[in-house]
Protein backbone atom coordinates (compact mmCIF):
# COMPACT_ATOMS: atom_id res chain seq x y z
CA UNK A 1 8.21 -6.98 -20.31
CA UNK A 2 5.76 -9.89 -20.58
CA UNK A 3 2.02 -9.56 -20.08
CA UNK A 4 2.34 -11.29 -16.70
CA UNK A 5 5.10 -8.94 -15.55
CA UNK A 6 3.03 -5.96 -16.72
CA UNK A 7 0.06 -7.19 -14.69
CA UNK A 8 2.22 -7.73 -11.61
CA UNK A 9 3.77 -4.27 -12.00
CA UNK A 10 0.31 -2.68 -12.13
CA UNK A 11 -0.77 -4.55 -9.00
CA UNK A 12 2.44 -3.64 -7.17
CA UNK A 13 1.97 0.05 -8.00
CA UNK A 14 -1.41 0.12 -6.31
CA UNK A 15 -0.36 -1.53 -3.05
CA UNK A 16 0.61 0.11 0.22
CA UNK A 17 1.64 -2.22 3.05
CA UNK A 18 2.26 -0.51 6.37
CA UNK A 19 2.28 -1.00 10.11
CA UNK A 20 0.79 1.30 12.72
CA UNK A 21 3.07 1.89 15.70
CA UNK A 22 2.26 3.68 18.94
CA UNK A 23 2.31 3.58 22.70
CA UNK A 24 -0.73 1.86 24.28
CA UNK A 25 -3.88 4.00 24.41
CA UNK A 26 -2.75 6.43 21.71
CA UNK A 27 -5.73 5.35 19.60
CA UNK A 28 -4.07 2.82 17.29
CA UNK A 29 -6.95 0.38 17.15
CA UNK A 30 -9.41 3.21 16.55
CA UNK A 31 -7.30 4.56 13.68
CA UNK A 32 -7.02 1.07 12.19
CA UNK A 33 -10.78 0.61 12.32
CA UNK A 34 -11.39 3.99 10.72
CA UNK A 35 -9.05 3.25 7.81
CA UNK A 36 -10.99 0.04 7.22
CA UNK A 37 -14.22 1.97 7.53
CA UNK A 38 -13.21 4.64 5.02
CA UNK A 39 -12.04 1.86 2.70
CA UNK A 40 -15.38 0.11 2.91
CA UNK A 41 -13.93 -3.05 4.47
CA UNK A 42 -16.19 -2.80 7.55
CA UNK A 43 -19.56 -1.15 8.06
CA UNK A 44 -19.06 0.00 11.61
CA UNK A 45 -16.00 0.65 13.72
CA UNK A 46 -15.66 -1.57 16.78
CA UNK A 47 -15.88 0.37 20.02
CA UNK A 48 -13.23 -1.34 22.14
CA UNK A 49 -14.19 0.64 25.20
CA UNK A 50 -17.88 -0.18 24.87
CA UNK A 51 -17.66 -3.57 26.52
CA UNK A 52 -21.28 -3.46 27.59
CA UNK A 53 -22.30 -2.99 23.97
CA UNK A 54 -20.39 -6.19 23.13
CA UNK A 55 -18.57 -4.47 20.28
CA UNK A 56 -14.89 -5.03 19.80
CA UNK A 57 -12.29 -3.99 17.30
CA UNK A 58 -12.09 -6.02 14.12
CA UNK A 59 -8.32 -6.19 14.60
CA UNK A 60 -8.56 -7.50 18.20
CA UNK A 61 -9.76 -11.08 17.89
CA UNK A 62 -8.20 -13.04 20.78
CA UNK A 63 -10.59 -13.40 23.72
CA UNK A 64 -8.11 -11.79 26.10
CA UNK A 65 -7.90 -8.77 23.78
CA UNK A 66 -11.66 -8.37 23.93
CA UNK A 67 -11.68 -8.67 27.72
CA UNK A 68 -8.85 -6.22 28.36
CA UNK A 69 -9.43 -3.83 25.45
CA UNK A 70 -5.80 -4.01 24.30
CA UNK A 71 -4.02 -5.58 21.32
CA UNK A 72 -1.70 -8.44 22.31
CA UNK A 73 -1.19 -10.02 18.91
CA UNK A 74 -0.41 -8.61 15.49
CA UNK A 75 -3.18 -8.91 12.93
CA UNK A 76 -3.54 -8.25 9.23
CA UNK A 77 -6.32 -6.37 7.46
CA UNK A 78 -6.91 -4.93 4.03
CA UNK A 79 -9.13 -2.39 2.31
CA UNK A 80 -9.33 -0.54 -0.99
CA UNK A 81 -9.13 3.23 -0.77
CA UNK A 82 -9.10 5.54 -3.81
CA UNK A 83 -8.09 2.63 -6.04
CA UNK A 84 -5.21 1.64 -3.75
CA UNK A 85 -5.06 -1.72 -1.95
CA UNK A 86 -4.13 -0.93 1.64
CA UNK A 87 -2.61 -3.75 3.69
CA UNK A 88 -2.58 -2.85 7.38
CA UNK A 89 -0.32 -4.72 9.77
CA UNK A 90 -1.80 -3.88 13.16
CA UNK A 91 0.73 -4.33 15.95
CA UNK A 92 0.46 -4.61 19.74
CA UNK A 93 1.30 -1.36 21.48
CA UNK A 94 2.29 -2.94 24.80
CA UNK A 95 6.06 -3.45 25.20
CA UNK A 96 5.53 -7.00 26.53
CA UNK A 97 4.59 -8.01 22.98
CA UNK A 98 7.37 -6.10 21.23
CA UNK A 99 8.88 -9.23 19.66
CA UNK A 100 5.68 -9.84 17.70
CA UNK A 101 5.65 -6.18 16.71
CA UNK A 102 9.29 -6.19 15.57
CA UNK A 103 8.72 -9.17 13.28
CA UNK A 104 5.64 -7.54 11.82
CA UNK A 105 7.56 -4.36 11.08
CA UNK A 106 9.95 -6.40 8.94
CA UNK A 107 6.97 -7.24 6.71
CA UNK A 108 5.95 -3.57 6.31
CA UNK A 109 7.06 -1.11 3.63
CA UNK A 110 6.25 1.96 5.73
CA UNK A 111 4.89 2.88 9.13
CA UNK A 112 2.30 5.24 10.55
CA UNK A 113 3.48 6.57 13.90
CA UNK A 114 0.52 7.52 16.05
CA UNK A 115 1.10 10.07 18.82
CA UNK A 116 -1.30 11.17 21.53
CA UNK A 117 -1.50 14.99 21.37
CA UNK A 118 -1.57 15.20 25.16
CA UNK A 119 1.22 12.72 25.94
CA UNK A 120 3.66 13.28 23.08
CA UNK A 121 6.37 10.75 22.26
CA UNK A 122 6.13 7.89 24.75
CA UNK A 123 8.49 5.04 25.62
CA UNK A 124 7.10 2.28 23.41
CA UNK A 125 6.86 4.66 20.47
CA UNK A 126 10.59 5.33 20.81
CA UNK A 127 11.43 1.62 20.80
CA UNK A 128 9.29 0.86 17.76
CA UNK A 129 10.59 3.93 15.96
CA UNK A 130 14.15 2.61 16.30
CA UNK A 131 13.18 -0.58 14.45
CA UNK A 132 11.74 1.52 11.63
CA UNK A 133 14.88 3.63 11.59
CA UNK A 134 17.09 0.54 11.27
CA UNK A 135 15.09 -0.52 8.23
CA UNK A 136 15.08 3.07 6.85
CA UNK A 137 11.42 2.82 5.95
CA UNK A 138 9.23 5.92 5.51
CA UNK A 139 7.45 7.01 8.69
CA UNK A 140 4.24 9.05 8.59
CA UNK A 141 3.17 10.75 11.83
CA UNK A 142 -0.47 11.21 12.80
CA UNK A 143 -0.94 13.33 15.94
CA UNK A 144 -4.19 12.00 17.32
CA UNK A 145 -6.80 13.14 19.82
CA UNK A 146 -6.79 16.78 18.75
CA UNK A 147 -10.41 16.82 19.93
CA UNK A 148 -8.96 16.86 23.44
CA UNK A 149 -6.73 19.53 24.88
CA UNK A 150 -3.08 18.52 24.63
CA UNK A 151 0.37 19.94 24.11
CA UNK A 152 1.11 22.89 21.87
CA UNK A 153 1.60 21.63 18.27
CA UNK A 154 5.00 23.35 17.98
CA UNK A 155 6.14 21.65 21.19
CA UNK A 156 5.04 18.29 19.77
CA UNK A 157 7.08 18.86 16.63
CA UNK A 158 10.12 19.81 18.69
CA UNK A 159 9.70 16.69 20.82
CA UNK A 160 9.57 14.45 17.75
CA UNK A 161 12.80 15.94 16.48
CA UNK A 162 14.63 16.00 19.81
CA UNK A 163 13.54 12.60 21.15
CA UNK A 164 13.47 10.62 17.90
CA UNK A 165 16.10 12.50 15.93
CA UNK A 166 14.07 12.81 12.75
CA UNK A 167 13.04 15.93 10.84
CA UNK A 168 9.31 16.66 11.26
CA UNK A 169 7.42 18.53 8.54
CA UNK A 170 3.73 19.33 9.13
CA UNK A 171 1.72 18.64 6.00
CA UNK A 172 -1.22 20.33 7.66
CA UNK A 173 -1.70 22.55 10.68
CA UNK A 174 -4.48 22.27 13.27
CA UNK A 175 -7.26 24.79 13.50
CA UNK A 176 -8.10 24.88 17.21
CA UNK A 177 -7.81 22.13 19.79
CA UNK A 178 -10.04 20.29 22.22
CA UNK A 179 -13.69 21.28 21.83
CA UNK A 180 -12.57 24.02 19.44
CA UNK A 181 -10.76 21.66 17.08
CA UNK A 182 -12.40 22.48 13.77
CA UNK A 183 -10.03 21.34 11.04
CA UNK A 184 -6.63 21.72 9.41
CA UNK A 185 -4.84 23.95 6.92
CA UNK A 186 -3.08 21.90 4.20
CA UNK A 187 0.33 23.51 3.68
CA UNK A 188 1.00 21.65 0.42
CA UNK A 189 -2.40 22.01 -1.27
CA UNK A 190 -2.81 25.53 0.21
CA UNK A 191 -6.30 24.67 1.41
CA UNK A 192 -8.32 25.06 4.58
CA UNK A 193 -10.36 21.99 5.55
CA UNK A 194 -13.05 22.50 8.19
CA UNK A 195 -15.00 19.59 9.64
CA UNK A 196 -18.30 19.19 11.42
CA UNK A 197 -20.45 16.32 12.56
CA UNK A 198 -18.36 13.22 12.95
CA UNK A 199 -19.35 9.91 14.49
CA UNK A 200 -17.12 7.17 15.84
CA UNK A 201 -19.02 4.30 14.30
CA UNK A 202 -19.29 5.61 10.75
CA UNK A 203 -17.53 7.74 8.13
CA UNK A 204 -20.01 10.53 8.75
CA UNK A 205 -18.19 13.85 8.70
CA UNK A 206 -18.88 17.04 6.81
CA UNK A 207 -15.90 18.74 5.20
CA UNK A 208 -15.88 22.31 3.94
CA UNK A 209 -12.76 23.27 1.97
CA UNK A 210 -11.54 26.75 1.07
CA UNK A 211 -8.57 27.07 -1.31
CA UNK A 212 -6.08 29.89 -0.92
CA UNK A 213 -3.28 31.40 1.12
CA UNK A 214 -3.75 31.70 4.89
CA UNK A 215 -4.02 35.50 4.70
CA UNK A 216 -6.75 35.41 2.02
CA UNK A 217 -9.96 37.07 3.07
CA UNK A 218 -12.09 33.94 2.52
CA UNK A 219 -9.82 31.83 4.72
CA UNK A 220 -9.53 34.51 7.39
CA UNK A 221 -13.31 34.70 7.53
CA UNK A 222 -13.62 30.90 7.79
CA UNK A 223 -11.04 30.79 10.60
CA UNK A 224 -12.92 33.36 12.65
CA UNK A 225 -11.60 33.78 16.19
CA UNK A 226 -8.96 31.07 15.58
CA UNK A 227 -7.26 33.13 12.87
CA UNK A 228 -4.55 34.63 15.07
CA UNK A 229 -3.31 31.34 16.56
CA UNK A 230 -3.36 29.54 13.20
CA UNK A 231 -1.52 32.35 11.42
CA UNK A 232 1.11 32.52 14.16
CA UNK A 233 1.86 28.80 13.84
CA UNK A 234 1.98 28.87 10.06
CA UNK A 235 4.26 31.91 9.99
CA UNK A 236 6.71 30.23 12.37
CA UNK A 237 6.78 27.12 10.18
CA UNK A 238 7.32 29.10 7.01
CA UNK A 239 10.12 31.07 8.59
CA UNK A 240 11.99 28.44 10.59
CA UNK A 241 10.47 25.08 9.64
CA UNK A 242 12.09 22.31 7.62
CA UNK A 243 11.29 22.15 3.92
CA UNK A 244 9.16 19.25 2.71
CA UNK A 245 11.40 16.72 0.90
CA UNK A 246 9.94 13.53 -0.59
CA UNK A 247 13.38 11.98 -1.09
CA UNK A 248 14.16 12.33 2.64
CA UNK A 249 10.74 10.89 3.50
CA UNK A 250 11.39 7.80 1.38
CA UNK A 251 14.63 6.99 3.21
CA UNK A 252 13.18 7.62 6.67
CA UNK A 253 15.06 10.84 7.40
CA UNK A 254 11.98 13.08 7.46
CA UNK A 255 8.48 12.40 8.71
CA UNK A 256 5.41 14.20 7.33
CA UNK A 257 3.11 15.15 10.21
CA UNK A 258 -0.69 15.26 10.17
CA UNK A 259 -3.11 16.43 12.87
CA UNK A 260 -6.55 15.00 13.51
CA UNK A 261 -8.90 12.88 15.58
CA UNK A 262 -9.50 9.26 14.65
CA UNK A 263 -12.47 9.17 17.01
CA UNK A 264 -14.41 12.01 15.34
CA UNK A 265 -12.97 11.43 11.81
CA UNK A 266 -11.70 15.04 11.72
CA UNK A 267 -8.60 15.17 9.51
CA UNK A 268 -8.72 11.48 8.64
CA UNK A 269 -9.59 11.76 4.94
CA UNK A 270 -6.90 14.41 4.22
CA UNK A 271 -4.39 12.14 5.94
CA UNK A 272 -5.43 9.06 3.93
CA UNK A 273 -5.43 10.98 0.65
CA UNK A 274 -1.88 12.18 1.20
CA UNK A 275 -0.67 8.89 2.65
CA UNK A 276 -1.63 6.75 -0.37
CA UNK A 277 0.05 9.36 -2.56
CA UNK A 278 3.35 9.47 -0.63
CA UNK A 279 3.71 5.98 0.88
CA UNK A 280 5.92 3.60 -1.13
CA UNK A 281 4.69 0.66 -3.13
CA UNK A 282 6.45 -2.68 -2.45
CA UNK A 283 10.08 -2.30 -3.49
CA UNK A 284 12.94 -4.72 -4.10
CA UNK A 285 13.89 -6.73 -1.00
CA UNK A 286 17.43 -7.65 -0.13
CA UNK A 287 18.07 -11.37 0.20
CA UNK A 288 20.66 -12.73 2.62
CA UNK A 289 22.94 -13.45 -0.36
CA UNK A 290 22.91 -9.73 -1.28
CA UNK A 291 20.60 -10.50 -4.18
CA UNK A 292 17.95 -7.81 -4.67
CA UNK A 293 14.59 -9.48 -5.26
CA UNK A 294 12.51 -7.43 -7.71
CA UNK A 295 8.78 -7.56 -6.90
CA UNK A 296 7.66 -7.46 -10.55
CA UNK A 297 10.21 -9.44 -12.53
CA UNK A 298 11.38 -12.15 -10.12
CA UNK A 299 9.32 -15.27 -9.54
CA UNK A 300 7.10 -15.89 -6.55
CA UNK A 301 8.75 -15.47 -3.15
CA UNK A 302 7.79 -14.61 0.41
CA UNK A 303 8.68 -15.18 4.04
CA UNK A 304 6.86 -16.26 7.19
CA UNK A 305 6.71 -13.46 9.76
CA UNK A 306 4.02 -14.80 12.08
CA UNK A 307 2.35 -18.08 13.04
CA UNK A 308 -0.99 -18.17 14.84
CA UNK A 309 -2.97 -21.18 16.05
CA UNK A 310 -6.66 -21.50 16.80
CA UNK A 311 -7.81 -18.30 15.10
CA UNK A 312 -11.02 -20.22 14.50
CA UNK A 313 -12.08 -21.67 17.88
CA UNK A 314 -14.14 -24.30 16.06
CA UNK A 315 -11.02 -25.81 14.47
CA UNK A 316 -7.54 -26.64 15.73
CA UNK A 317 -5.98 -24.89 12.78
CA UNK A 318 -2.64 -23.15 12.44
CA UNK A 319 -1.99 -20.26 10.07
CA UNK A 320 1.39 -19.03 8.80
CA UNK A 321 1.39 -15.39 7.73
CA UNK A 322 3.36 -15.01 4.48
CA UNK A 323 4.47 -11.59 3.26
CA UNK A 324 4.65 -11.85 -0.53
CA UNK A 325 7.81 -10.14 -1.80
CA UNK A 326 7.87 -10.90 -5.51
CA UNK A 327 5.95 -12.49 -8.33
CA UNK A 328 2.35 -13.61 -8.39
CA UNK A 329 0.91 -15.96 -5.80
CA UNK A 330 -1.64 -18.38 -7.22
CA UNK A 331 -3.63 -21.02 -5.41
CA UNK A 332 -1.77 -24.33 -5.74
CA UNK A 333 1.55 -22.79 -6.85
CA UNK A 334 4.63 -24.90 -6.15
CA UNK A 335 7.56 -23.37 -4.31
CA UNK A 336 10.69 -24.45 -2.48
CA UNK A 337 10.80 -24.36 1.29
CA UNK A 338 14.35 -23.09 1.65
CA UNK A 339 15.09 -24.32 5.18
CA UNK A 340 14.47 -27.96 4.21
CA UNK A 341 14.90 -27.79 0.45
CA UNK A 342 11.56 -29.50 -0.05
CA UNK A 343 9.04 -28.53 -2.70
CA UNK A 344 5.60 -27.67 -1.34
CA UNK A 345 2.28 -26.94 -3.02
CA UNK A 346 0.61 -23.84 -1.57
CA UNK A 347 -2.90 -25.14 -1.96
CA UNK A 348 -4.66 -24.09 1.25
CA UNK A 349 -4.42 -20.33 1.43
CA UNK A 350 -6.55 -17.48 2.63
CA UNK A 351 -6.63 -13.69 2.80
CA UNK A 352 -6.78 -12.57 6.42
CA UNK A 353 -9.03 -9.90 7.88
CA UNK A 354 -8.40 -9.85 11.60
CA UNK A 355 -10.04 -13.08 12.70
CA UNK A 356 -11.98 -13.41 9.48
CA UNK A 357 -10.67 -15.02 6.34
CA UNK A 358 -11.63 -15.47 2.74
CA UNK A 359 -10.39 -17.74 -0.02
CA UNK A 360 -7.72 -16.29 -2.27
CA UNK A 361 -6.94 -17.36 -5.82
CA UNK A 362 -4.13 -14.88 -6.39
CA UNK A 363 -2.15 -12.25 -4.53
CA UNK A 364 0.72 -9.89 -5.25
CA UNK A 365 3.81 -8.36 -3.63
CA UNK A 366 2.82 -6.44 -0.52
CA UNK A 367 -0.10 -8.75 0.23
CA UNK A 368 -0.15 -11.06 3.24
CA UNK A 369 -1.51 -14.56 2.64
CA UNK A 370 -2.36 -17.07 5.35
CA UNK A 371 -1.22 -20.63 4.68
CA UNK A 372 -2.76 -23.54 6.54
CA UNK A 373 0.23 -25.15 8.20
CA UNK A 374 0.32 -28.65 9.76
CA UNK A 375 3.44 -27.73 11.74
CA UNK A 376 5.91 -27.61 8.89
CA UNK A 377 6.63 -23.88 8.73
CA UNK A 378 8.59 -21.71 11.15
CA UNK A 379 8.88 -17.95 11.67
CA UNK A 380 11.52 -16.60 9.30
CA UNK A 381 11.18 -19.33 6.67
CA UNK A 382 11.70 -18.29 3.05
CA UNK A 383 9.49 -19.76 0.33
CA UNK A 384 10.41 -19.09 -3.29
CA UNK A 385 9.77 -20.54 -6.72
CA UNK A 386 13.43 -20.49 -7.77
CA UNK A 387 14.72 -22.05 -4.55
CA UNK A 388 18.04 -20.19 -4.79
CA UNK A 389 17.94 -17.50 -2.08
CA UNK A 390 16.87 -16.74 1.49
CA UNK A 391 15.53 -13.55 2.99
CA UNK A 392 17.40 -12.40 6.13
CA UNK A 393 16.42 -14.12 9.36
CA UNK A 394 13.90 -12.39 11.60
CA UNK A 395 14.98 -11.08 15.01
CA UNK A 396 14.68 -13.25 18.09
CA UNK A 397 14.91 -11.67 21.53
CA UNK A 398 16.33 -13.15 24.68
CA UNK A 399 13.65 -13.53 27.37
CA UNK A 400 13.80 -11.25 30.37
CA UNK A 401 11.18 -12.95 32.56
CA UNK A 402 11.04 -16.59 33.65
CA UNK A 403 8.50 -18.92 35.24
CA UNK A 404 8.66 -22.56 36.32
CA UNK A 405 5.75 -24.80 35.31
CA UNK A 406 4.23 -26.58 38.30
CA UNK A 407 3.71 -29.92 36.56
CA UNK A 408 2.47 -31.62 39.70
CA UNK A 409 -0.65 -29.45 39.56
CA UNK A 410 -1.44 -30.18 35.91
CA UNK A 411 -3.77 -33.08 35.11
CA UNK A 412 -3.73 -32.90 31.30
CA UNK A 413 -0.04 -33.35 30.53
CA UNK A 414 -0.44 -34.10 26.80
CA UNK A 415 -2.72 -31.12 26.24
CA UNK A 416 -0.28 -28.91 28.19
CA UNK A 417 2.68 -30.01 26.10
CA UNK A 418 0.73 -29.51 22.87
CA UNK A 419 -0.33 -26.02 23.91
CA UNK A 420 3.16 -25.00 25.06
CA UNK A 421 4.75 -26.32 21.88
CA UNK A 422 2.26 -24.40 19.76
CA UNK A 423 2.70 -21.11 21.61
CA UNK A 424 6.47 -21.50 21.47
CA UNK A 425 6.19 -22.02 17.72
CA UNK A 426 4.30 -18.74 17.50
CA UNK A 427 7.20 -17.00 19.21
CA UNK A 428 5.10 -15.99 22.23
CA UNK A 429 7.24 -17.90 24.75
CA UNK A 430 10.44 -19.91 24.87
CA UNK A 431 10.65 -23.32 26.52
CA UNK A 432 13.67 -24.51 28.49
CA UNK A 433 14.36 -27.73 30.39
CA UNK A 434 16.18 -27.75 33.72
CA UNK A 435 18.49 -30.79 34.09
CA UNK A 436 18.83 -30.19 37.81
CA UNK A 437 15.08 -30.36 38.21
CA UNK A 438 14.66 -33.72 36.45
CA UNK A 439 13.82 -32.00 33.20
CA UNK A 440 11.48 -29.48 34.79
CA UNK A 441 9.98 -26.99 32.33
CA UNK A 442 10.98 -23.33 32.54
CA UNK A 443 9.26 -20.72 30.39
CA UNK A 444 10.83 -17.47 29.23
CA UNK A 445 9.14 -14.39 27.78
CA UNK A 446 10.11 -10.88 26.77
CA UNK A 447 7.37 -9.37 28.96
CA UNK A 448 5.43 -10.65 32.00
CA UNK A 449 2.05 -10.05 30.39
CA UNK A 450 2.91 -12.87 27.98
CA UNK A 451 2.42 -15.30 30.85
CA UNK A 452 -1.11 -14.00 31.44
CA UNK A 453 -1.87 -14.52 27.76
CA UNK A 454 -0.29 -17.97 27.93
CA UNK A 455 -2.45 -19.07 30.86
CA UNK A 456 -5.58 -17.61 29.29
CA UNK A 457 -5.01 -19.32 25.94
CA UNK A 458 -4.14 -22.67 27.49
CA UNK A 459 -7.35 -22.52 29.49
CA UNK A 460 -9.59 -21.41 26.61
CA UNK A 461 -8.00 -23.32 23.72
CA UNK A 462 -6.56 -26.44 25.39
CA UNK A 463 -8.66 -26.69 28.59
CA UNK A 464 -5.54 -26.71 30.76
CA UNK A 465 -5.22 -24.76 33.99
CA UNK A 466 -1.58 -23.74 34.18
CA UNK A 467 0.19 -23.04 37.45
CA UNK A 468 3.43 -21.07 37.34
CA UNK A 469 5.95 -20.02 39.96
CA UNK A 470 8.18 -16.98 39.33
CA UNK A 471 11.96 -17.19 39.01
CA UNK A 472 14.32 -14.31 39.73
CA UNK A 473 16.34 -14.57 36.50
CA UNK A 474 16.29 -11.64 34.08
CA UNK A 475 19.02 -12.49 31.54
CA UNK A 476 19.43 -15.39 29.09
CA UNK A 477 22.46 -16.12 26.91
CA UNK A 478 23.08 -19.00 24.50
CA UNK A 479 26.41 -20.71 25.21
CA UNK A 480 28.66 -21.20 22.17
CA UNK A 481 32.23 -22.14 21.40
CA UNK A 482 34.13 -24.27 23.91
CA UNK A 483 31.49 -24.13 26.61
CA UNK A 484 31.28 -26.96 29.17
CA UNK A 485 28.44 -27.38 31.72
CA UNK A 486 30.83 -27.62 34.66
CA UNK A 487 31.87 -24.01 34.04
CA UNK A 488 28.60 -22.89 35.61
CA UNK A 489 29.20 -24.55 38.96
CA UNK A 490 26.62 -24.12 41.71
CA UNK A 491 25.20 -20.64 42.02
CA UNK A 492 21.83 -19.37 43.15
CA UNK A 493 22.23 -16.42 40.83
CA UNK A 494 22.50 -18.43 37.61
CA UNK A 495 21.38 -21.71 36.13
CA UNK A 496 22.19 -23.82 33.09
CA UNK A 497 19.13 -24.85 31.10
CA UNK A 498 18.56 -26.18 27.58
CA UNK A 499 16.30 -24.77 24.89
CA UNK A 500 13.79 -26.75 22.80
CA UNK A 501 16.47 -28.18 20.51
CA UNK A 502 18.98 -28.94 23.27
CA UNK A 503 21.25 -25.90 23.05
CA UNK A 504 22.78 -24.81 26.39
CA UNK A 505 21.49 -21.51 27.76
CA UNK A 506 22.67 -19.63 30.82
CA UNK A 507 19.97 -17.76 32.72
CA UNK A 508 21.05 -15.34 35.41
CA UNK A 509 19.86 -12.58 37.72
CA UNK A 510 22.29 -10.19 36.05
CA UNK A 511 25.20 -9.95 33.67
CA UNK A 512 28.00 -10.03 36.27
CA UNK A 513 28.08 -13.82 36.56
CA UNK A 514 28.04 -14.18 32.77
CA UNK A 515 30.86 -11.69 32.35
CA UNK A 516 32.94 -13.66 34.85
CA UNK A 517 32.52 -16.85 32.84
CA UNK A 518 33.67 -15.07 29.71
CA UNK A 519 36.67 -13.63 31.55
CA UNK A 520 37.70 -16.98 33.08
CA UNK A 521 37.23 -19.23 30.04
CA UNK A 522 38.80 -18.52 26.67
CA UNK A 523 36.94 -19.72 23.60
CA UNK A 524 33.50 -19.45 25.21
CA UNK A 525 30.80 -17.24 23.72
CA UNK A 526 27.48 -16.09 25.15
CA UNK A 527 25.01 -14.92 22.50
CA UNK A 528 21.90 -12.83 23.07
CA UNK A 529 20.06 -14.67 20.28
CA UNK A 530 20.00 -18.39 19.50
CA UNK A 531 22.11 -19.62 16.59
CA UNK A 532 20.25 -20.17 13.32
CA UNK A 533 18.72 -23.62 13.16
CA UNK A 534 19.13 -25.41 9.85
């Protein structure tokens, strides 16, 4: 192995790139901020709820995120913890932004599943979990908000197994709950960790640890009046619980479970210590040609999983998020843009930190680098030094909600078109033209909240007041094969439109009309995702 490969191997071994998935309001942004805080990347956690204090989460940087206190766009952050470079891919929790989340999960090597102790496994958590399951990536569960009264811990474990179909193995067990939540017992280290103090804005928390078996006198004394409930839970786990198995964790068949409170910092350090130990480093990635791309020995490669414009309101810039998969990225390195076959010099690059950015001279597999993009790159593009392989395409979802743009009420047509084109490039919306409406513009989105974000961003970034009128369609299918426009006929329930590159798309109020077309016309196909564009 050459000196360069040895260096890359060492850097790969100390990287952990993961996404945090959860239902809205489970505490995902708070947990993200605390990881950054414990890693020394920020000095104070942003209090998203404290609007009057004008403090917002580092990871929430769009103006609408600050106003609403929710994440609507994936962001990337990094920190160094215990000698490990942590790359956090923070994802929106709201289902209306699931497409952005799904793409981001493709760039992750593992996931932290955050569950509200009171609410258990919620709908969006189930959807995001399925994406992780398809990729067979390790999933670590953090049951949050133990400082509030919630469900019984054993019931939560049962729910994880029954609803998600994955083995759950508690690494630690809670000592108390709500106001009596005092700490955790580490079942692997055989250690009781008790916490006191704790402050949302800092890492301040006092931890007292007592090594030994649960029945030891010193631990029984430390548990006090909580001894009976803790012992009962631990005895049930030892007698009927699933055995901890690192091999099953690595392939996503078993999830290690941790209990704590991100708000008070209780249980956060034990979780981080175990996570960096168990979470995988960047591994070989499968290319579309079935070639396995080795992170240490293959040359530079990566793929675009996100594009974001106007991160800096002072500049009309556009950043492509590149997940590095192999080799060493160096400022100015030349690589082949596989979709076009052109060679490009990666000279304007940055490390991302929420909205912030810093110059980067080099980066390694697992890192996410932002490339300044004049409009050349697209989501899913592969960039590699060898120019002889592609990574698999990223998922695209058919829109389920549609709006017509009221062009007659828009005064700045050029600014509108520029803004719509940019947001479509980011994957936030899809643009269709209606031939029956003299080329009228129809917008499609996975969730209705995307339209609110669209209007807000057009107003704040492009100074355009957008007027939209709702359409009743809920299904879109790309027409393939021997499709002819006259097959659609005249129906109020469906309409033929064309996407941004002129491909025919049928939008409908339901699937019945589409099924009839398939039944009546041989050789016609209706696809849920658009064909790959070369």
